[in-house]
């Protein structure tokens, strides 16, 4: 029998998402936890559960031949991905990242990188907020997600909202399509390997695509010819102010 897959759409660095996610994991008791993040840095994930690891902290990946080409993936105590990793280690679940490897991202030519210009893709939460009569996405997310007492209904509602938005959005950039193809492939692999439920923790925007029925052949085709670079990865100290959107961090929050 194939393992059951549960998709949990979260907001990066959302305290409410983190709290509800831990409740959902406690109820599901997954044997495998998959997290949106560079697949080739999965070996570093268990370190987040080390008592000596103090947040905020960032996963640093960089090109071996040019360390200036680097990417940071920050985690705070209230980041759902951080709490998911800690839960997996504490409960003996298999744990890994499933997004495109860092070698892909760092192998891209900056001048040729696809930029997603679709307004819905850029700010799906803002679009939902406007449709619901809110002045801003922060207020909508706080009311519907952060202060919602029911974990199961929250994730169901988020999935339904994102499905409606994705139906109205324009086509994905090549990179975003490749990211979601890679995550689907990794989920399929986990389903075959896992001896119990599989929990997938990812940005809410990706939920409809990861739930879609697509062939492995089609997904693998999207990954052909992707760039590759030799990379290294480690953990680096971070600061709360650099979790703020005002710092230029695309997945940042207004007031970390």
Protein backbone atom coordinates (compact mmCIF):
# COMPACT_ATOMS: atom_id res chain seq x y z
CA UNK A 1 0.00 0.00 0.00
CA UNK A 2 1.34 3.45 -0.95
CA UNK A 3 2.08 5.85 1.87
CA UNK A 4 -0.47 8.59 2.54
CA UNK A 5 0.70 12.09 1.59
CA UNK A 6 -0.42 15.17 3.54
CA UNK A 7 0.43 18.59 2.10
CA UNK A 8 0.82 21.47 4.55
CA UNK A 9 0.87 24.90 2.91
CA UNK A 10 2.62 27.38 5.17
CA UNK A 11 3.89 30.91 5.17
CA UNK A 12 7.60 31.13 5.68
CA UNK A 13 8.26 32.58 9.15
CA UNK A 14 4.59 32.48 10.14
CA UNK A 15 4.13 31.83 13.89
CA UNK A 16 0.56 30.67 13.37
CA UNK A 17 1.64 28.34 10.57
CA UNK A 18 4.39 26.94 12.80
CA UNK A 19 2.06 26.34 15.72
CA UNK A 20 -0.68 24.72 13.64
CA UNK A 21 1.86 22.63 11.75
CA UNK A 22 3.25 21.08 14.94
CA UNK A 23 -0.31 20.26 16.02
CA UNK A 24 -1.00 18.65 12.65
CA UNK A 25 2.22 16.62 12.79
CA UNK A 26 1.36 15.43 16.28
CA UNK A 27 -1.98 14.20 14.96
CA UNK A 28 -0.62 12.65 11.74
CA UNK A 29 2.58 11.10 13.17
CA UNK A 30 4.31 10.96 9.77
CA UNK A 31 7.13 8.51 9.12
CA UNK A 32 8.69 10.95 6.63
CA UNK A 33 8.83 14.75 6.68
CA UNK A 34 9.69 16.59 3.45
CA UNK A 35 10.50 20.30 3.50
CA UNK A 36 10.81 22.90 0.76
CA UNK A 37 14.53 23.60 0.57
CA UNK A 38 17.64 22.66 -1.48
CA UNK A 39 17.72 18.87 -1.78
CA UNK A 40 21.52 18.66 -1.77
CA UNK A 41 21.65 20.23 1.71
CA UNK A 42 19.38 17.66 3.35
CA UNK A 43 22.25 16.23 5.39
CA UNK A 44 22.38 19.47 7.38
CA UNK A 45 18.71 19.44 8.42
CA UNK A 46 19.05 17.32 11.60
CA UNK A 47 21.43 19.92 13.03
CA UNK A 48 18.45 22.23 13.55
CA UNK A 49 17.42 19.96 16.44
CA UNK A 50 20.80 20.26 18.16
CA UNK A 51 20.35 22.06 21.51
CA UNK A 52 23.40 24.17 20.68
CA UNK A 53 21.79 25.56 17.53
CA UNK A 54 20.47 29.05 18.29
CA UNK A 55 18.00 30.78 15.98
CA UNK A 56 17.80 32.82 13.86
CA UNK A 57 20.16 30.84 11.69
CA UNK A 58 20.55 30.53 7.93
CA UNK A 59 21.43 27.66 5.65
CA UNK A 60 24.27 29.02 3.52
CA UNK A 61 24.98 27.44 0.13
CA UNK A 62 27.73 28.76 -2.13
CA UNK A 63 29.64 27.87 -5.27
CA UNK A 64 33.00 26.24 -4.58
CA UNK A 65 34.79 28.21 -7.28
CA UNK A 66 33.15 31.53 -6.44
CA UNK A 67 31.97 31.86 -2.81
CA UNK A 68 30.42 35.24 -3.63
CA UNK A 69 27.72 33.33 -5.51
CA UNK A 70 25.71 32.29 -2.50
CA UNK A 71 22.17 31.79 -1.24
CA UNK A 72 20.83 32.06 2.29
CA UNK A 73 17.76 30.25 3.64
CA UNK A 74 16.95 31.75 7.06
CA UNK A 75 15.11 29.99 9.88
CA UNK A 76 13.63 31.51 13.01
CA UNK A 77 12.13 29.70 15.99
CA UNK A 78 8.71 30.53 14.51
CA UNK A 79 9.53 29.24 11.01
CA UNK A 80 7.30 26.24 10.19
CA UNK A 81 10.19 24.50 8.42
CA UNK A 82 12.33 24.80 11.54
CA UNK A 83 9.61 23.34 13.73
CA UNK A 84 8.99 20.54 11.20
CA UNK A 85 12.67 19.57 11.21
CA UNK A 86 12.78 19.53 15.00
CA UNK A 87 9.60 17.44 15.12
CA UNK A 88 11.03 14.90 12.66
CA UNK A 89 14.26 14.45 14.59
CA UNK A 90 12.45 14.19 17.93
CA UNK A 91 10.11 11.51 16.60
CA UNK A 92 12.59 9.53 14.49
CA UNK A 93 10.99 10.40 11.16
CA UNK A 94 12.95 10.47 7.91
CA UNK A 95 13.74 14.07 7.02
CA UNK A 96 14.92 15.80 3.85
CA UNK A 97 14.64 18.84 1.61
CA UNK A 98 12.87 18.38 -1.74
CA UNK A 99 13.33 21.59 -3.73
CA UNK A 100 15.76 22.05 -6.62
CA UNK A 101 19.33 21.44 -5.44
CA UNK A 102 21.46 24.46 -4.61
CA UNK A 103 23.80 23.38 -7.42
CA UNK A 104 20.98 24.24 -9.83
CA UNK A 105 20.24 27.69 -8.40
CA UNK A 106 23.91 28.63 -8.10
CA UNK A 107 24.67 27.30 -11.57
CA UNK A 108 22.25 29.73 -13.19
CA UNK A 109 23.48 32.70 -15.15
CA UNK A 110 22.13 35.69 -13.24
CA UNK A 111 21.46 37.57 -16.47
CA UNK A 112 19.32 34.71 -17.80
CA UNK A 113 17.38 33.95 -14.63
CA UNK A 114 13.62 33.88 -15.11
CA UNK A 115 11.70 36.52 -13.18
CA UNK A 116 8.08 35.70 -12.44
CA UNK A 117 6.14 38.82 -13.36
CA UNK A 118 2.66 37.42 -12.74
CA UNK A 119 1.05 39.67 -10.08
CA UNK A 120 -0.81 36.76 -8.48
CA UNK A 121 2.36 34.68 -8.18
CA UNK A 122 4.28 37.63 -6.74
CA UNK A 123 1.79 38.27 -3.93
CA UNK A 124 -0.90 35.59 -3.62
CA UNK A 125 -1.69 36.54 -0.04
CA UNK A 126 -2.23 40.16 -1.03
CA UNK A 127 -4.61 39.08 -3.79
CA UNK A 128 -6.62 36.97 -1.33
CA UNK A 129 -6.72 39.85 1.13
CA UNK A 130 -8.07 42.27 -1.47
CA UNK A 131 -10.75 39.78 -2.51
CA UNK A 132 -11.80 39.40 1.13
CA UNK A 133 -12.04 43.17 1.66
CA UNK A 134 -8.83 43.62 3.67
CA UNK A 135 -6.44 46.52 3.20
CA UNK A 136 -3.33 44.33 3.27
CA UNK A 137 -2.18 40.73 3.23
CA UNK A 138 -0.78 40.86 6.75
CA UNK A 139 -4.18 41.56 8.29
CA UNK A 140 -5.92 38.84 6.28
CA UNK A 141 -3.27 36.24 7.13
CA UNK A 142 -3.36 37.17 10.81
CA UNK A 143 -7.15 36.76 11.01
CA UNK A 144 -7.50 33.63 8.91
CA UNK A 145 -4.30 31.77 9.77
CA UNK A 146 -2.33 33.15 12.69
CA UNK A 147 -5.28 33.42 15.06
CA UNK A 148 -7.29 30.46 13.79
CA UNK A 149 -7.58 27.79 16.52
CA UNK A 150 -8.19 24.83 14.18
CA UNK A 151 -5.10 23.32 12.51
CA UNK A 152 -6.80 20.95 10.06
CA UNK A 153 -9.30 23.46 8.69
CA UNK A 154 -6.54 26.06 8.30
CA UNK A 155 -4.49 23.92 5.95
CA UNK A 156 -7.57 22.86 4.02
CA UNK A 157 -8.67 26.48 3.61
CA UNK A 158 -5.21 27.56 2.46
CA UNK A 159 -5.09 24.76 -0.13
CA UNK A 160 -8.52 25.70 -1.50
CA UNK A 161 -7.61 29.39 -1.70
CA UNK A 162 -4.33 28.72 -3.49
CA UNK A 163 -6.03 26.35 -5.92
CA UNK A 164 -8.45 29.12 -6.90
CA UNK A 165 -5.59 31.60 -7.31
CA UNK A 166 -3.46 29.26 -9.39
CA UNK A 167 -6.38 28.83 -11.79
CA UNK A 168 -6.28 32.59 -12.47
CA UNK A 169 -2.50 33.04 -12.55
CA UNK A 170 -0.37 33.17 -15.67
CA UNK A 171 2.13 30.48 -16.73
CA UNK A 172 5.07 29.71 -14.47
CA UNK A 173 8.62 30.67 -15.29
CA UNK A 174 10.84 27.77 -16.37
CA UNK A 175 12.59 27.77 -13.03
CA UNK A 176 9.38 27.68 -10.98
CA UNK A 177 8.05 24.86 -13.14
CA UNK A 178 11.29 22.95 -12.60
CA UNK A 179 11.11 23.53 -8.85
CA UNK A 180 7.64 22.05 -8.60
CA UNK A 181 8.57 19.15 -10.89
CA UNK A 182 11.53 18.34 -8.64
CA UNK A 183 9.36 18.45 -5.54
CA UNK A 184 6.79 16.12 -7.10
CA UNK A 185 9.53 13.65 -8.02
CA UNK A 186 10.89 13.71 -4.47
CA UNK A 187 7.41 13.20 -3.02
CA UNK A 188 6.86 10.22 -5.31
CA UNK A 189 10.17 8.74 -4.16
CA UNK A 190 9.21 9.21 -0.51
CA UNK A 191 5.86 7.51 -1.08
CA UNK A 192 7.69 4.42 -2.36
CA UNK A 193 10.27 4.40 0.43
CA UNK A 194 8.23 5.45 3.47
CA UNK A 195 6.69 2.91 5.84
CA UNK A 196 4.10 5.38 7.06
CA UNK A 197 2.46 8.74 6.30
CA UNK A 198 4.44 11.39 4.42
CA UNK A 199 4.15 15.05 5.46
CA UNK A 200 5.12 17.74 2.95
CA UNK A 201 5.82 21.25 4.28
CA UNK A 202 6.05 23.93 1.62
CA UNK A 203 5.02 27.46 0.74
CA UNK A 204 1.24 27.60 0.35
CA UNK A 205 1.53 28.72 -3.29
CA UNK A 206 2.97 25.34 -4.31
CA UNK A 207 0.24 23.14 -2.80
CA UNK A 208 -2.01 22.88 -5.91
CA UNK A 209 0.95 21.97 -8.12
CA UNK A 210 2.24 19.33 -5.73
CA UNK A 211 -1.24 17.82 -5.42
CA UNK A 212 -1.66 17.67 -9.21
CA UNK A 213 -1.46 14.36 -11.01
CA UNK A 214 1.48 14.53 -13.43
CA UNK A 215 3.69 11.86 -14.93
CA UNK A 216 7.24 11.31 -13.73
CA UNK A 217 8.30 11.38 -17.38
CA UNK A 218 6.90 14.87 -17.85
CA UNK A 219 8.46 16.12 -14.62
CA UNK A 220 11.85 14.68 -15.49
CA UNK A 221 11.66 16.35 -18.88
CA UNK A 222 11.33 19.74 -17.16
CA UNK A 223 14.61 19.11 -15.36
CA UNK A 224 16.69 18.19 -18.40
CA UNK A 225 19.51 20.58 -19.14
CA UNK A 226 19.26 22.40 -15.81
CA UNK A 227 22.53 24.06 -14.73
CA UNK A 228 24.83 22.45 -12.19
CA UNK A 229 27.58 23.90 -10.07
CA UNK A 230 29.80 22.41 -7.39
CA UNK A 231 28.53 23.79 -4.11
CA UNK A 232 29.19 23.70 -0.41
CA UNK A 233 26.64 24.18 2.37
CA UNK A 234 26.78 25.06 6.05
CA UNK A 235 24.87 26.89 8.77
CA UNK A 236 25.55 30.56 9.43
CA UNK A 237 24.38 32.93 12.19
CA UNK A 238 21.55 35.27 11.22
CA UNK A 239 19.80 38.26 12.79
CA UNK A 240 16.14 39.08 13.35
CA UNK A 241 16.23 42.38 11.40
CA UNK A 242 17.39 40.49 8.30
CA UNK A 243 14.20 38.42 8.43
CA UNK A 244 12.27 41.60 7.64
CA UNK A 245 10.90 42.26 4.18
CA UNK A 246 12.37 45.75 4.39
CA UNK A 247 15.86 44.20 4.35
CA UNK A 248 15.25 43.00 0.79
CA UNK A 249 14.53 39.41 1.79
CA UNK A 250 11.82 38.19 -0.59
CA UNK A 251 10.19 35.78 1.90
CA UNK A 252 10.53 38.24 4.77
CA UNK A 253 7.90 39.40 7.21
CA UNK A 254 6.90 42.92 8.19
CA UNK A 255 7.88 42.72 11.86
CA UNK A 256 10.03 39.70 12.76
